[in-house]
Amino acid sequence: MTQGNQIWAVDALQALGHETRLSVFRMLVKAGSNGLMAGEIAQGCGVPASTMSHHLANLERAGLATSQRESRVIRYRADYAGMRQLLAFLMEDCCQGDPLLCADFSEIAACKP
């Protein structure tokens, strides 16, 4: 583990450590590759658009979301590479060499339809 990875992980976890941002991230993960428009996200969370743009920018800076301008609106998507990187960082030293300690992790992390 490098210090850079740890600093990045702290930033990512801080981004997820806010109730609204965690909800938004989960919405984006659930939306899949289609993502969601910023207005849809704000409406879904019951948050004003200006406040939501702050939360979305925070997730994007943390490497957990991406944005793409489409005409006059912005579509956001979960950054799955960033999510995998964070999960890998958290699990890096898992199991202390005993795979039975983390045996059910693959079931928990498995995609469900």
PDB file of N, CA and C in Angstrom:
ATOM      1  N   MET A   1       0.850  -1.174   0.000  1.00  0.00           N
ATOM      2  CA  MET A   1       0.000   0.000   0.000  1.00  0.00           C
ATOM      3  C   MET A   1       0.892   1.232   0.000  1.00  0.00           C
ATOM      4  N   THR A   2       0.664   2.102  -0.962  1.00  0.00           N
ATOM      5  CA  THR A   2       1.421   3.332  -0.995  1.00  0.00           C
ATOM      6  C   THR A   2       0.638   4.419  -0.285  1.00  0.00           C
ATOM      7  N   GLN A   3       1.360   5.445   0.137  1.00  0.00           N
ATOM      8  CA  GLN A   3       0.696   6.550   0.822  1.00  0.00           C
ATOM      9  C   GLN A   3      -0.293   7.237  -0.113  1.00  0.00           C
ATOM     10  N   GLY A   4       0.043   7.313  -1.409  1.00  0.00           N
ATOM     11  CA  GLY A   4      -0.869   7.915  -2.380  1.00  0.00           C
ATOM     12  C   GLY A   4      -2.188   7.183  -2.452  1.00  0.00           C
ATOM     13  N   ASN A   5      -2.129   5.845  -2.439  1.00  0.00           N
ATOM     14  CA  ASN A   5      -3.364   5.049  -2.439  1.00  0.00           C
ATOM     15  C   ASN A   5      -4.175   5.296  -1.184  1.00  0.00           C
ATOM     16  N   GLN A   6      -3.505   5.411  -0.069  1.00  0.00           N
ATOM     17  CA  GLN A   6      -4.219   5.629   1.187  1.00  0.00           C
ATOM     18  C   GLN A   6      -4.875   7.011   1.201  1.00  0.00           C
ATOM     19  N   ILE A   7      -4.166   8.022   0.715  1.00  0.00           N
ATOM     20  CA  ILE A   7      -4.745   9.371   0.665  1.00  0.00           C
ATOM     21  C   ILE A   7      -5.953   9.382  -0.257  1.00  0.00           C
ATOM     22  N   TRP A   8      -5.821   8.711  -1.415  1.00  0.00           N
ATOM     23  CA  TRP A   8      -6.958   8.627  -2.338  1.00  0.00           C
ATOM     24  C   TRP A   8      -8.143   7.919  -1.672  1.00  0.00           C
ATOM     25  N   ALA A   9      -7.878   6.816  -0.981  1.00  0.00           N
ATOM     26  CA  ALA A   9      -8.948   6.057  -0.327  1.00  0.00           C
ATOM     27  C   ALA A   9      -9.642   6.903   0.739  1.00  0.00           C
ATOM     28  N   VAL A  10      -8.881   7.690   1.483  1.00  0.00           N
ATOM     29  CA  VAL A  10      -9.473   8.573   2.496  1.00  0.00           C
ATOM     30  C   VAL A  10     -10.403   9.567   1.818  1.00  0.00           C
ATOM     31  N   ASP A  11      -9.970  10.148   0.707  1.00  0.00           N
ATOM     32  CA  ASP A  11     -10.819  11.097  -0.025  1.00  0.00           C
ATOM     33  C   ASP A  11     -12.096  10.423  -0.526  1.00  0.00           C
ATOM     34  N   ALA A  12     -11.960   9.221  -1.073  1.00  0.00           N
ATOM     35  CA  ALA A  12     -13.122   8.494  -1.581  1.00  0.00           C
ATOM     36  C   ALA A  12     -14.091   8.155  -0.444  1.00  0.00           C
ATOM     37  N   LEU A  13     -13.554   7.707   0.669  1.00  0.00           N
ATOM     38  CA  LEU A  13     -14.411   7.368   1.808  1.00  0.00           C
ATOM     39  C   LEU A  13     -15.067   8.608   2.403  1.00  0.00           C
ATOM     40  N   GLN A  14     -14.354   9.740   2.403  1.00  0.00           N
ATOM     41  CA  GLN A  14     -14.967  10.989   2.870  1.00  0.00           C
ATOM     42  C   GLN A  14     -16.120  11.373   1.960  1.00  0.00           C
ATOM     43  N   ALA A  15     -15.941  11.193   0.659  1.00  0.00           N
ATOM     44  CA  ALA A  15     -17.022  11.510  -0.278  1.00  0.00           C
ATOM     45  C   ALA A  15     -18.243  10.648   0.012  1.00  0.00           C
ATOM     46  N   LEU A  16     -18.031   9.384   0.304  1.00  0.00           N
ATOM     47  CA  LEU A  16     -19.145   8.475   0.598  1.00  0.00           C
ATOM     48  C   LEU A  16     -19.667   8.632   2.020  1.00  0.00           C
ATOM     49  N   GLY A  17     -18.923   9.368   2.846  1.00  0.00           N
ATOM     50  CA  GLY A  17     -19.283   9.532   4.254  1.00  0.00           C
ATOM     51  C   GLY A  17     -20.368  10.571   4.496  1.00  0.00           C
ATOM     52  N   HIS A  18     -20.990  11.058   3.446  1.00  0.00           N
ATOM     53  CA  HIS A  18     -22.096  12.009   3.574  1.00  0.00           C
ATOM     54  C   HIS A  18     -23.362  11.315   3.080  1.00  0.00           C
ATOM     55  N   GLU A  19     -24.443  11.425   3.826  1.00  0.00           N
ATOM     56  CA  GLU A  19     -25.669  10.691   3.519  1.00  0.00           C
ATOM     57  C   GLU A  19     -26.157  10.919   2.088  1.00  0.00           C
ATOM     58  N   THR A  20     -26.159  12.166   1.643  1.00  0.00           N
ATOM     59  CA  THR A  20     -26.641  12.456   0.290  1.00  0.00           C
ATOM     60  C   THR A  20     -25.720  11.850  -0.754  1.00  0.00           C
ATOM     61  N   ARG A  21     -24.416  12.017  -0.587  1.00  0.00           N
ATOM     62  CA  ARG A  21     -23.486  11.478  -1.583  1.00  0.00           C
ATOM     63  C   ARG A  21     -23.530   9.958  -1.623  1.00  0.00           C
ATOM     64  N   LEU A  22     -23.682   9.323  -0.483  1.00  0.00           N
ATOM     65  CA  LEU A  22     -23.799   7.864  -0.470  1.00  0.00           C
ATOM     66  C   LEU A  22     -25.060   7.438  -1.224  1.00  0.00           C
ATOM     67  N   SER A  23     -26.157   8.142  -0.998  1.00  0.00           N
ATOM     68  CA  SER A  23     -27.404   7.841  -1.724  1.00  0.00           C
ATOM     69  C   SER A  23     -27.223   8.034  -3.220  1.00  0.00           C
ATOM     70  N   VAL A  24     -26.571   9.122  -3.602  1.00  0.00           N
ATOM     71  CA  VAL A  24     -26.338   9.397  -5.018  1.00  0.00           C
ATOM     72  C   VAL A  24     -25.468   8.308  -5.634  1.00  0.00           C
ATOM     73  N   PHE A  25     -24.403   7.936  -4.957  1.00  0.00           N
ATOM     74  CA  PHE A  25     -23.524   6.899  -5.481  1.00  0.00           C
ATOM     75  C   PHE A  25     -24.287   5.602  -5.683  1.00  0.00           C
ATOM     76  N   ARG A  26     -25.104   5.239  -4.727  1.00  0.00           N
ATOM     77  CA  ARG A  26     -25.898   4.008  -4.847  1.00  0.00           C
ATOM     78  C   ARG A  26     -26.891   4.106  -5.996  1.00  0.00           C
ATOM     79  N   MET A  27     -27.485   5.301  -6.190  1.00  0.00           N
ATOM     80  CA  MET A  27     -28.388   5.511  -7.326  1.00  0.00           C
ATOM     81  C   MET A  27     -27.648   5.308  -8.644  1.00  0.00           C
ATOM     82  N   LEU A  28     -26.431   5.860  -8.727  1.00  0.00           N
ATOM     83  CA  LEU A  28     -25.652   5.748  -9.955  1.00  0.00           C
ATOM     84  C   LEU A  28     -25.242   4.307 -10.224  1.00  0.00           C
ATOM     85  N   VAL A  29     -24.862   3.592  -9.185  1.00  0.00           N
ATOM     86  CA  VAL A  29     -24.501   2.184  -9.350  1.00  0.00           C
ATOM     87  C   VAL A  29     -25.713   1.405  -9.852  1.00  0.00           C
ATOM     88  N   LYS A  30     -26.862   1.679  -9.261  1.00  0.00           N
ATOM     89  CA  LYS A  30     -28.096   0.986  -9.656  1.00  0.00           C
ATOM     90  C   LYS A  30     -28.495   1.336 -11.090  1.00  0.00           C
ATOM     91  N   ALA A  31     -28.244   2.566 -11.507  1.00  0.00           N
ATOM     92  CA  ALA A  31     -28.604   3.006 -12.863  1.00  0.00           C
ATOM     93  C   ALA A  31     -27.749   2.337 -13.928  1.00  0.00           C
ATOM     94  N   GLY A  32     -26.589   1.850 -13.543  1.00  0.00           N
ATOM     95  CA  GLY A  32     -25.724   1.164 -14.497  1.00  0.00           C
ATOM     96  C   GLY A  32     -25.098   2.094 -15.511  1.00  0.00           C
ATOM     97  N   SER A  33     -24.798   1.554 -16.679  1.00  0.00           N
ATOM     98  CA  SER A  33     -24.052   2.312 -17.685  1.00  0.00           C
ATOM     99  C   SER A  33     -24.848   3.465 -18.280  1.00  0.00           C
ATOM    100  N   ASN A  34     -26.171   3.447 -18.162  1.00  0.00           N
ATOM    101  CA  ASN A  34     -26.974   4.565 -18.659  1.00  0.00           C
ATOM    102  C   ASN A  34     -26.787   5.811 -17.804  1.00  0.00           C
ATOM    103  N   GLY A  35     -26.513   5.625 -16.539  1.00  0.00           N
ATOM    104  CA  GLY A  35     -26.356   6.750 -15.635  1.00  0.00           C
ATOM    105  C   GLY A  35     -27.653   7.513 -15.464  1.00  0.00           C
ATOM    106  N   LEU A  36     -27.553   8.703 -14.905  1.00  0.00           N
ATOM    107  CA  LEU A  36     -28.718   9.549 -14.650  1.00  0.00           C
ATOM    108  C   LEU A  36     -28.354  11.005 -14.925  1.00  0.00           C
ATOM    109  N   MET A  37     -29.342  11.760 -15.339  1.00  0.00           N
ATOM    110  CA  MET A  37     -29.162  13.194 -15.520  1.00  0.00           C
ATOM    111  C   MET A  37     -29.110  13.850 -14.146  1.00  0.00           C
ATOM    112  N   ALA A  38     -28.356  14.942 -14.058  1.00  0.00           N
ATOM    113  CA  ALA A  38     -28.194  15.637 -12.781  1.00  0.00           C
ATOM    114  C   ALA A  38     -29.542  16.007 -12.173  1.00  0.00           C
ATOM    115  N   GLY A  39     -30.472  16.479 -12.999  1.00  0.00           N
ATOM    116  CA  GLY A  39     -31.800  16.854 -12.495  1.00  0.00           C
ATOM    117  C   GLY A  39     -32.560  15.679 -11.913  1.00  0.00           C
ATOM    118  N   GLU A  40     -32.433  14.517 -12.545  1.00  0.00           N
ATOM    119  CA  GLU A  40     -33.081  13.307 -12.038  1.00  0.00           C
ATOM    120  C   GLU A  40     -32.531  12.939 -10.664  1.00  0.00           C
ATOM    121  N   ILE A  41     -31.227  13.081 -10.538  1.00  0.00           N
ATOM    122  CA  ILE A  41     -30.582  12.735  -9.269  1.00  0.00           C
ATOM    123  C   ILE A  41     -31.045  13.682  -8.175  1.00  0.00           C
ATOM    124  N   ALA A  42     -31.052  14.986  -8.474  1.00  0.00           N
ATOM    125  CA  ALA A  42     -31.484  15.984  -7.491  1.00  0.00           C
ATOM    126  C   ALA A  42     -32.926  15.729  -7.074  1.00  0.00           C
ATOM    127  N   GLN A  43     -33.780  15.463  -8.048  1.00  0.00           N
ATOM    128  CA  GLN A  43     -35.186  15.206  -7.751  1.00  0.00           C
ATOM    129  C   GLN A  43     -35.337  13.930  -6.918  1.00  0.00           C
ATOM    130  N   GLY A  44     -34.607  12.896  -7.289  1.00  0.00           N
ATOM    131  CA  GLY A  44     -34.680  11.622  -6.563  1.00  0.00           C
ATOM    132  C   GLY A  44     -34.241  11.739  -5.114  1.00  0.00           C
ATOM    133  N   CYS A  45     -33.326  12.668  -4.856  1.00  0.00           N
ATOM    134  CA  CYS A  45     -32.823  12.860  -3.487  1.00  0.00           C
ATOM    135  C   CYS A  45     -33.552  13.988  -2.759  1.00  0.00           C
ATOM    136  N   GLY A  46     -34.384  14.735  -3.483  1.00  0.00           N
ATOM    137  CA  GLY A  46     -35.076  15.853  -2.862  1.00  0.00           C
ATOM    138  C   GLY A  46     -34.137  16.970  -2.439  1.00  0.00           C
ATOM    139  N   VAL A  47     -33.115  17.205  -3.277  1.00  0.00           N
ATOM    140  CA  VAL A  47     -32.082  18.201  -2.967  1.00  0.00           C
ATOM    141  C   VAL A  47     -32.088  19.251  -4.075  1.00  0.00           C
ATOM    142  N   PRO A  48     -31.947  20.540  -3.740  1.00  0.00           N
ATOM    143  CA  PRO A  48     -31.875  21.562  -4.784  1.00  0.00           C
ATOM    144  C   PRO A  48     -30.719  21.292  -5.750  1.00  0.00           C
ATOM    145  N   ALA A  49     -30.903  21.675  -7.016  1.00  0.00           N
ATOM    146  CA  ALA A  49     -29.910  21.412  -8.055  1.00  0.00           C
ATOM    147  C   ALA A  49     -28.543  21.991  -7.705  1.00  0.00           C
ATOM    148  N   SER A  50     -28.508  23.185  -7.120  1.00  0.00           N
ATOM    149  CA  SER A  50     -27.206  23.792  -6.795  1.00  0.00           C
ATOM    150  C   SER A  50     -26.471  22.983  -5.728  1.00  0.00           C
ATOM    151  N   THR A  51     -27.192  22.478  -4.764  1.00  0.00           N
ATOM    152  CA  THR A  51     -26.586  21.638  -3.723  1.00  0.00           C
ATOM    153  C   THR A  51     -26.136  20.307  -4.322  1.00  0.00           C
ATOM    154  N   MET A  52     -26.965  19.756  -5.210  1.00  0.00           N
ATOM    155  CA  MET A  52     -26.632  18.472  -5.824  1.00  0.00           C
ATOM    156  C   MET A  52     -25.374  18.586  -6.673  1.00  0.00           C
ATOM    157  N   SER A  53     -25.188  19.706  -7.366  1.00  0.00           N
ATOM    158  CA  SER A  53     -23.988  19.841  -8.198  1.00  0.00           C
ATOM    159  C   SER A  53     -22.732  19.780  -7.337  1.00  0.00           C
ATOM    160  N   HIS A  54     -22.812  20.311  -6.121  1.00  0.00           N
ATOM    161  CA  HIS A  54     -21.680  20.231  -5.180  1.00  0.00           C
ATOM    162  C   HIS A  54     -21.394  18.770  -4.824  1.00  0.00           C
ATOM    163  N   HIS A  55     -22.444  18.013  -4.513  1.00  0.00           N
ATOM    164  CA  HIS A  55     -22.270  16.606  -4.143  1.00  0.00           C
ATOM    165  C   HIS A  55     -21.727  15.787  -5.319  1.00  0.00           C
ATOM    166  N   LEU A  56     -22.251  16.034  -6.511  1.00  0.00           N
ATOM    167  CA  LEU A  56     -21.790  15.305  -7.692  1.00  0.00           C
ATOM    168  C   LEU A  56     -20.332  15.626  -8.004  1.00  0.00           C
ATOM    169  N   ALA A  57     -19.957  16.886  -7.865  1.00  0.00           N
ATOM    170  CA  ALA A  57     -18.562  17.275  -8.099  1.00  0.00           C
ATOM    171  C   ALA A  57     -17.643  16.594  -7.091  1.00  0.00           C
ATOM    172  N   ASN A  58     -18.112  16.459  -5.857  1.00  0.00           N
ATOM    173  CA  ASN A  58     -17.324  15.807  -4.822  1.00  0.00           C
ATOM    174  C   ASN A  58     -17.095  14.338  -5.178  1.00  0.00           C
ATOM    175  N   LEU A  59     -18.136  13.649  -5.629  1.00  0.00           N
ATOM    176  CA  LEU A  59     -17.994  12.244  -6.031  1.00  0.00           C
ATOM    177  C   LEU A  59     -17.083  12.110  -7.244  1.00  0.00           C
ATOM    178  N   GLU A  60     -17.178  13.068  -8.155  1.00  0.00           N
ATOM    179  CA  GLU A  60     -16.328  13.021  -9.343  1.00  0.00           C
ATOM    180  C   GLU A  60     -14.857  13.239  -8.974  1.00  0.00           C
ATOM    181  N   ARG A  61     -14.596  14.211  -8.109  1.00  0.00           N
ATOM    182  CA  ARG A  61     -13.209  14.459  -7.662  1.00  0.00           C
ATOM    183  C   ARG A  61     -12.633  13.246  -6.944  1.00  0.00           C
ATOM    184  N   ALA A  62     -13.486  12.516  -6.234  1.00  0.00           N
ATOM    185  CA  ALA A  62     -13.036  11.340  -5.488  1.00  0.00           C
ATOM    186  C   ALA A  62     -12.829  10.124  -6.394  1.00  0.00           C
ATOM    187  N   GLY A  63     -13.160  10.247  -7.683  1.00  0.00           N
ATOM    188  CA  GLY A  63     -12.976   9.132  -8.600  1.00  0.00           C
ATOM    189  C   GLY A  63     -14.070   8.094  -8.514  1.00  0.00           C
ATOM    190  N   LEU A  64     -15.250   8.490  -8.030  1.00  0.00           N
ATOM    191  CA  LEU A  64     -16.358   7.547  -7.880  1.00  0.00           C
ATOM    192  C   LEU A  64     -17.501   7.809  -8.846  1.00  0.00           C
ATOM    193  N   ALA A  65     -17.416   8.890  -9.618  1.00  0.00           N
ATOM    194  CA  ALA A  65     -18.442   9.219 -10.601  1.00  0.00           C
ATOM    195  C   ALA A  65     -17.787   9.914 -11.782  1.00  0.00           C
ATOM    196  N   THR A  66     -18.439   9.817 -12.925  1.00  0.00           N
ATOM    197  CA  THR A  66     -17.993  10.524 -14.118  1.00  0.00           C
ATOM    198  C   THR A  66     -19.160  11.332 -14.652  1.00  0.00           C
ATOM    199  N   SER A  67     -18.852  12.360 -15.422  1.00  0.00           N
ATOM    200  CA  SER A  67     -19.917  13.175 -16.009  1.00  0.00           C
ATOM    201  C   SER A  67     -19.688  13.326 -17.500  1.00  0.00           C
ATOM    202  N   GLN A  68     -20.788  13.533 -18.206  1.00  0.00           N
ATOM    203  CA  GLN A  68     -20.718  13.751 -19.644  1.00  0.00           C
ATOM    204  C   GLN A  68     -21.810  14.741 -20.017  1.00  0.00           C
ATOM    205  N   ARG A  69     -21.394  15.834 -20.650  1.00  0.00           N
ATOM    206  CA  ARG A  69     -22.357  16.851 -21.080  1.00  0.00           C
ATOM    207  C   ARG A  69     -23.100  16.340 -22.305  1.00  0.00           C
ATOM    208  N   GLU A  70     -24.413  16.465 -22.261  1.00  0.00           N
ATOM    209  CA  GLU A  70     -25.265  16.115 -23.390  1.00  0.00           C
ATOM    210  C   GLU A  70     -26.159  17.319 -23.654  1.00  0.00           C
ATOM    211  N   SER A  71     -25.760  18.115 -24.611  1.00  0.00           N
ATOM    212  CA  SER A  71     -26.463  19.354 -24.926  1.00  0.00           C
ATOM    213  C   SER A  71     -26.454  20.266 -23.702  1.00  0.00           C
ATOM    214  N   ARG A  72     -27.614  20.506 -23.107  1.00  0.00           N
ATOM    215  CA  ARG A  72     -27.677  21.431 -21.969  1.00  0.00           C
ATOM    216  C   ARG A  72     -27.725  20.726 -20.615  1.00  0.00           C
ATOM    217  N   VAL A  73     -27.632  19.431 -20.608  1.00  0.00           N
ATOM    218  CA  VAL A  73     -27.700  18.682 -19.352  1.00  0.00           C
ATOM    219  C   VAL A  73     -26.427  17.854 -19.167  1.00  0.00           C
ATOM    220  N   ILE A  74     -26.228  17.396 -17.949  1.00  0.00           N
ATOM    221  CA  ILE A  74     -25.062  16.563 -17.647  1.00  0.00           C
ATOM    222  C   ILE A  74     -25.542  15.212 -17.137  1.00  0.00           C
ATOM    223  N   ARG A  75     -24.993  14.166 -17.728  1.00  0.00           N
ATOM    224  CA  ARG A  75     -25.305  12.793 -17.310  1.00  0.00           C
ATOM    225  C   ARG A  75     -24.162  12.309 -16.422  1.00  0.00           C
ATOM    226  N   TYR A  76     -24.521  11.724 -15.303  1.00  0.00           N
ATOM    227  CA  TYR A  76     -23.531  11.171 -14.370  1.00  0.00           C
ATOM    228  C   TYR A  76     -23.649   9.664 -14.344  1.00  0.00           C
ATOM    229  N   ARG A  77     -22.499   9.041 -14.200  1.00  0.00           N
ATOM    230  CA  ARG A  77     -22.426   7.575 -14.093  1.00  0.00           C
ATOM    231  C   ARG A  77     -21.492   7.218 -12.950  1.00  0.00           C
ATOM    232  N   ALA A  78     -21.733   6.073 -12.355  1.00  0.00           N
ATOM    233  CA  ALA A  78     -20.792   5.562 -11.357  1.00  0.00           C
ATOM    234  C   ALA A  78     -19.495   5.238 -12.078  1.00  0.00           C
ATOM    235  N   ASP A  79     -18.393   5.534 -11.448  1.00  0.00           N
ATOM    236  CA  ASP A  79     -17.089   5.172 -12.002  1.00  0.00           C
ATOM    237  C   ASP A  79     -16.736   3.812 -11.410  1.00  0.00           C
ATOM    238  N   TYR A  80     -17.021   2.768 -12.177  1.00  0.00           N
ATOM    239  CA  TYR A  80     -16.836   1.411 -11.661  1.00  0.00           C
ATOM    240  C   TYR A  80     -15.365   1.087 -11.425  1.00  0.00           C
ATOM    241  N   ALA A  81     -14.490   1.677 -12.210  1.00  0.00           N
ATOM    242  CA  ALA A  81     -13.057   1.455 -11.989  1.00  0.00           C
ATOM    243  C   ALA A  81     -12.655   2.035 -10.632  1.00  0.00           C
ATOM    244  N   GLY A  82     -13.162   3.213 -10.311  1.00  0.00           N
ATOM    245  CA  GLY A  82     -12.876   3.819  -9.015  1.00  0.00           C
ATOM    246  C   GLY A  82     -13.462   3.002  -7.872  1.00  0.00           C
ATOM    247  N   MET A  83     -14.675   2.491  -8.086  1.00  0.00           N
ATOM    248  CA  MET A  83     -15.305   1.659  -7.062  1.00  0.00           C
ATOM    249  C   MET A  83     -14.497   0.389  -6.833  1.00  0.00           C
ATOM    250  N   ARG A  84     -14.061  -0.254  -7.927  1.00  0.00           N
ATOM    251  CA  ARG A  84     -13.245  -1.469  -7.792  1.00  0.00           C
ATOM    252  C   ARG A  84     -11.931  -1.166  -7.094  1.00  0.00           C
ATOM    253  N   GLN A  85     -11.330  -0.016  -7.432  1.00  0.00           N
ATOM    254  CA  GLN A  85     -10.065   0.374  -6.803  1.00  0.00           C
ATOM    255  C   GLN A  85     -10.248   0.559  -5.299  1.00  0.00           C
ATOM    256  N   LEU A  86     -11.341   1.192  -4.895  1.00  0.00           N
ATOM    257  CA  LEU A  86     -11.594   1.388  -3.468  1.00  0.00           C
ATOM    258  C   LEU A  86     -11.843   0.056  -2.770  1.00  0.00           C
ATOM    259  N   LEU A  87     -12.638  -0.795  -3.378  1.00  0.00           N
ATOM    260  CA  LEU A  87     -12.897  -2.109  -2.776  1.00  0.00           C
ATOM    261  C   LEU A  87     -11.615  -2.936  -2.687  1.00  0.00           C
ATOM    262  N   ALA A  88     -10.797  -2.877  -3.726  1.00  0.00           N
ATOM    263  CA  ALA A  88      -9.528  -3.615  -3.703  1.00  0.00           C
ATOM    264  C   ALA A  88      -8.624  -3.082  -2.598  1.00  0.00           C
ATOM    265  N   PHE A  89      -8.586  -1.769  -2.443  1.00  0.00           N
ATOM    266  CA  PHE A  89      -7.769  -1.175  -1.378  1.00  0.00           C
ATOM    267  C   PHE A  89      -8.250  -1.652  -0.016  1.00  0.00           C
ATOM    268  N   LEU A  90      -9.567  -1.650   0.195  1.00  0.00           N
ATOM    269  CA  LEU A  90     -10.119  -2.056   1.489  1.00  0.00           C
ATOM    270  C   LEU A  90      -9.880  -3.540   1.768  1.00  0.00           C
ATOM    271  N   MET A  91      -9.832  -4.343   0.722  1.00  0.00           N
ATOM    272  CA  MET A  91      -9.682  -5.783   0.894  1.00  0.00           C
ATOM    273  C   MET A  91      -8.231  -6.255   0.753  1.00  0.00           C
ATOM    274  N   GLU A  92      -7.319  -5.329   0.482  1.00  0.00           N
ATOM    275  CA  GLU A  92      -5.932  -5.664   0.179  1.00  0.00           C
ATOM    276  C   GLU A  92      -5.287  -6.608   1.200  1.00  0.00           C
ATOM    277  N   ASP A  93      -5.504  -6.368   2.446  1.00  0.00           N
ATOM    278  CA  ASP A  93      -4.861  -7.171   3.487  1.00  0.00           C
ATOM    279  C   ASP A  93      -5.854  -8.100   4.182  1.00  0.00           C
ATOM    280  N   CYS A  94      -6.941  -8.374   3.500  1.00  0.00           N
ATOM    281  CA  CYS A  94      -7.995  -9.203   4.071  1.00  0.00           C
ATOM    282  C   CYS A  94      -7.499 -10.631   4.313  1.00  0.00           C
ATOM    283  N   CYS A  95      -8.069 -11.232   5.258  1.00  0.00           N
ATOM    284  CA  CYS A  95      -7.950 -12.664   5.517  1.00  0.00           C
ATOM    285  C   CYS A  95      -6.682 -13.085   6.241  1.00  0.00           C
ATOM    286  N   GLN A  96      -5.711 -12.251   6.384  1.00  0.00           N
ATOM    287  CA  GLN A  96      -4.480 -12.592   7.071  1.00  0.00           C
ATOM    288  C   GLN A  96      -3.933 -13.929   6.588  1.00  0.00           C
ATOM    289  N   GLY A  97      -4.081 -14.171   5.268  1.00  0.00           N
ATOM    290  CA  GLY A  97      -3.590 -15.413   4.685  1.00  0.00           C
ATOM    291  C   GLY A  97      -4.552 -16.578   4.823  1.00  0.00           C
ATOM    292  N   ASP A  98      -5.695 -16.367   5.478  1.00  0.00           N
ATOM    293  CA  ASP A  98      -6.680 -17.430   5.658  1.00  0.00           C
ATOM    294  C   ASP A  98      -7.909 -17.106   4.820  1.00  0.00           C
ATOM    295  N   PRO A  99      -8.032 -17.703   3.636  1.00  0.00           N
ATOM    296  CA  PRO A  99      -9.141 -17.371   2.740  1.00  0.00           C
ATOM    297  C   PRO A  99     -10.520 -17.663   3.331  1.00  0.00           C
ATOM    298  N   LEU A 100     -10.604 -18.490   4.355  1.00  0.00           N
ATOM    299  CA  LEU A 100     -11.900 -18.791   4.960  1.00  0.00           C
ATOM    300  C   LEU A 100     -12.491 -17.564   5.670  1.00  0.00           C
ATOM    301  N   LEU A 101     -11.627 -16.640   6.102  1.00  0.00           N
ATOM    302  CA  LEU A 101     -12.128 -15.439   6.771  1.00  0.00           C
ATOM    303  C   LEU A 101     -12.946 -14.558   5.830  1.00  0.00           C
ATOM    304  N   CYS A 102     -12.635 -14.581   4.546  1.00  0.00           N
ATOM    305  CA  CYS A 102     -13.327 -13.744   3.557  1.00  0.00           C
ATOM    306  C   CYS A 102     -14.070 -14.599   2.539  1.00  0.00           C
ATOM    307  N   ALA A 103     -14.369 -15.837   2.871  1.00  0.00           N
ATOM    308  CA  ALA A 103     -14.930 -16.775   1.909  1.00  0.00           C
ATOM    309  C   ALA A 103     -16.241 -16.290   1.303  1.00  0.00           C
ATOM    310  N   ASP A 104     -17.083 -15.626   2.067  1.00  0.00           N
ATOM    311  CA  ASP A 104     -18.382 -15.223   1.529  1.00  0.00           C
ATOM    312  C   ASP A 104     -18.347 -13.850   0.863  1.00  0.00           C
ATOM    313  N   PHE A 105     -17.172 -13.206   0.792  1.00  0.00           N
ATOM    314  CA  PHE A 105     -17.099 -11.882   0.183  1.00  0.00           C
ATOM    315  C   PHE A 105     -17.518 -11.905  -1.277  1.00  0.00           C
ATOM    316  N   SER A 106     -17.122 -12.941  -1.999  1.00  0.00           N
ATOM    317  CA  SER A 106     -17.482 -12.986  -3.419  1.00  0.00           C
ATOM    318  C   SER A 106     -18.992 -13.086  -3.593  1.00  0.00           C
ATOM    319  N   GLU A 107     -19.678 -13.770  -2.686  1.00  0.00           N
ATOM    320  CA  GLU A 107     -21.140 -13.839  -2.745  1.00  0.00           C
ATOM    321  C   GLU A 107     -21.754 -12.474  -2.454  1.00  0.00           C
ATOM    322  N   ILE A 108     -21.230 -11.787  -1.468  1.00  0.00           N
ATOM    323  CA  ILE A 108     -21.755 -10.485  -1.104  1.00  0.00           C
ATOM    324  C   ILE A 108     -21.540  -9.490  -2.247  1.00  0.00           C
ATOM    325  N   ALA A 109     -20.385  -9.555  -2.885  1.00  0.00           N
ATOM    326  CA  ALA A 109     -20.024  -8.599  -3.934  1.00  0.00           C
ATOM    327  C   ALA A 109     -20.590  -8.987  -5.301  1.00  0.00           C
ATOM    328  N   ALA A 110     -21.166 -10.178  -5.413  1.00  0.00           N
ATOM    329  CA  ALA A 110     -21.666 -10.626  -6.711  1.00  0.00           C
ATOM    330  C   ALA A 110     -22.824  -9.745  -7.175  1.00  0.00           C
ATOM    331  N   CYS A 111     -22.824  -9.486  -8.462  1.00  0.00           N
ATOM    332  CA  CYS A 111     -23.915  -8.686  -9.046  1.00  0.00           C
ATOM    333  C   CYS A 111     -25.195  -9.498  -8.989  1.00  0.00           C
ATOM    334  N   LYS A 112     -26.252  -8.830  -8.596  1.00  0.00           N
ATOM    335  CA  LYS A 112     -27.558  -9.480  -8.532  1.00  0.00           C
ATOM    336  C   LYS A 112     -28.470  -8.783  -9.538  1.00  0.00           C
ATOM    337  N   PRO A 113     -29.279  -9.555 -10.256  1.00  0.00           N
ATOM    338  CA  PRO A 113     -30.175  -8.942 -11.253  1.00  0.00           C
ATOM    339  C   PRO A 113     -31.229  -8.062 -10.606  1.00  0.00           C
TER     340      PRO A 113
END
